[in-house]
Amino acid sequence: QVQFVESGGGVVQPGESLTLSCIASGHGNIGPYQLGWYRQAPGKQRELVADISSGGTETNYAESVKGRFTVSRDDVKRMLFLQMNGLEPSDTAAYYCNAAMSRDLIPWGRGTQVTVSS
């Protein structure tokens, strides 16, 4: 079964950038699936912030990140990326990748922590 492993988080100041990566391990083809980046801040529910269609032709973003975040995928390398620019303190959260459709969700990985603080 596929498992996702996220990386690239860190502590940055407001206005800075980070690129998150997610690699799929285990057996299974991620190509046919719409994939997404989620985040969960302390005390809040996990939310989908960006998703990308199979083939990468369509992307969608939460209003809170639109214009600042860019999602991309490389199905040959079995990877998903999230370029985050203009980071704000409200972006502080643990970030996870997974299928974008609830019916396709697999067990969550450990995520990667992003902290935006001056």
Protein backbone atom coordinates (compact mmCIF):
# COMPACT_ATOMS: atom_id res chain seq x y z
CA GLN A 1 0.00 0.00 0.00
CA VAL A 2 1.16 3.54 -0.72
CA GLN A 3 2.41 5.66 2.14
CA PHE A 4 3.20 9.36 1.92
CA VAL A 5 6.24 10.92 3.58
CA GLU A 6 6.31 14.70 3.87
CA SER A 7 9.39 16.90 4.28
CA GLY A 8 10.63 20.44 3.87
CA GLY A 9 9.00 22.20 6.78
CA GLY A 10 10.81 24.58 9.07
CA VAL A 11 10.76 27.85 10.96
CA VAL A 12 10.66 30.97 8.80
CA GLN A 13 9.88 34.64 9.16
CA PRO A 14 6.80 36.27 7.65
CA GLY A 15 7.23 36.89 3.95
CA GLU A 16 9.69 34.08 3.42
CA SER A 17 9.24 30.96 1.30
CA LEU A 18 9.37 27.21 1.74
CA THR A 19 8.93 24.27 -0.59
CA LEU A 20 7.35 21.14 0.83
CA SER A 21 7.89 17.73 -0.72
CA CYS A 22 5.96 14.52 -0.42
CA ILE A 23 7.11 11.17 -1.72
CA ALA A 24 5.00 8.06 -2.10
CA SER A 25 6.55 4.85 -0.87
CA GLY A 26 5.25 1.33 -1.17
CA HIS A 27 3.34 -0.33 -3.95
CA GLY A 28 0.72 1.52 -5.91
CA ASN A 29 0.43 4.00 -8.72
CA ILE A 30 -0.38 7.56 -7.66
CA GLY A 31 -0.82 8.75 -11.24
CA PRO A 32 -4.56 8.21 -11.51
CA TYR A 33 -5.33 10.11 -8.34
CA GLN A 34 -6.14 13.71 -7.60
CA LEU A 35 -3.73 14.64 -4.81
CA GLY A 36 -3.72 17.36 -2.23
CA TRP A 37 -1.88 19.19 0.49
CA TYR A 38 -3.63 19.56 3.80
CA ARG A 39 -2.72 21.41 6.94
CA GLN A 40 -3.76 21.27 10.56
CA ALA A 41 -3.10 24.04 13.02
CA PRO A 42 -3.27 23.41 16.77
CA GLY A 43 -6.86 23.20 17.93
CA LYS A 44 -8.23 23.29 14.40
CA GLN A 45 -9.51 20.73 11.94
CA ARG A 46 -7.38 19.54 9.08
CA GLU A 47 -8.12 21.49 5.92
CA LEU A 48 -7.33 20.96 2.25
CA VAL A 49 -5.28 23.91 1.02
CA ALA A 50 -4.29 22.81 -2.49
CA ASP A 51 -5.07 19.98 -4.85
CA ILE A 52 -3.93 18.89 -8.28
CA SER A 53 -5.63 16.66 -10.81
CA SER A 54 -4.32 13.45 -12.26
CA GLY A 55 -1.88 14.58 -14.92
CA GLY A 56 -1.43 17.94 -13.25
CA THR A 57 -3.63 19.93 -15.62
CA GLU A 58 -5.88 21.46 -12.98
CA THR A 59 -5.16 22.91 -9.58
CA ASN A 60 -7.35 24.34 -6.86
CA TYR A 61 -6.48 26.40 -3.81
CA ALA A 62 -8.13 27.50 -0.61
CA GLU A 63 -8.85 31.22 -0.63
CA SER A 64 -6.42 31.74 2.22
CA VAL A 65 -3.45 30.58 0.12
CA LYS A 66 -4.50 31.49 -3.41
CA GLY A 67 -1.81 33.48 -5.17
CA ARG A 68 0.86 32.47 -2.66
CA PHE A 69 1.01 28.66 -2.84
CA THR A 70 1.64 26.50 -5.91
CA VAL A 71 1.09 22.75 -6.03
CA SER A 72 2.82 20.49 -8.53
CA ARG A 73 3.47 16.81 -9.04
CA ASP A 74 6.00 14.49 -10.64
CA ASP A 75 4.40 11.09 -11.13
CA VAL A 76 7.60 9.53 -12.44
CA LYS A 77 9.34 10.35 -9.17
CA ARG A 78 6.08 9.73 -7.28
CA MET A 79 6.31 13.12 -5.66
CA LEU A 80 4.06 16.05 -4.80
CA PHE A 81 5.30 19.56 -4.07
CA LEU A 82 3.97 22.71 -2.46
CA GLN A 83 5.78 25.96 -3.13
CA MET A 84 4.79 28.44 -0.46
CA ASN A 85 5.61 32.12 -0.89
CA GLY A 86 4.74 35.12 1.23
CA LEU A 87 4.26 32.98 4.30
CA GLU A 88 2.14 34.43 7.09
CA PRO A 89 1.85 33.48 10.77
CA SER A 90 -1.59 32.04 9.96
CA ASP A 91 0.13 29.46 7.74
CA THR A 92 1.68 27.86 10.82
CA ALA A 93 0.52 24.25 10.87
CA ALA A 94 1.50 20.66 10.26
CA TYR A 95 1.27 19.94 6.53
CA TYR A 96 0.26 16.59 5.05
CA CYS A 97 -0.21 15.15 1.59
CA ASN A 98 -2.85 12.62 0.64
CA ALA A 99 -5.49 11.93 -1.94
CA ALA A 100 -7.74 14.93 -2.50
CA MET A 101 -10.95 12.91 -2.67
CA SER A 102 -12.20 11.52 0.61
CA ARG A 103 -12.99 8.14 -0.93
CA ASP A 104 -9.31 7.73 -1.89
CA LEU A 105 -7.73 8.77 1.41
CA ILE A 106 -5.06 6.50 2.86
CA PRO A 107 -3.64 6.54 6.41
CA TRP A 108 -2.04 9.88 7.18
CA GLY A 109 1.71 10.29 7.34
CA ARG A 110 3.58 12.17 10.03
CA GLY A 111 3.41 15.49 8.23
CA THR A 112 5.94 18.29 8.26
CA GLN A 113 5.74 21.29 10.57
CA VAL A 114 5.75 24.82 9.20
CA THR A 115 6.15 27.65 11.69
CA VAL A 116 5.99 31.26 10.59
CA SER A 117 7.12 33.65 13.27
CA SER A 118 9.06 36.84 13.64
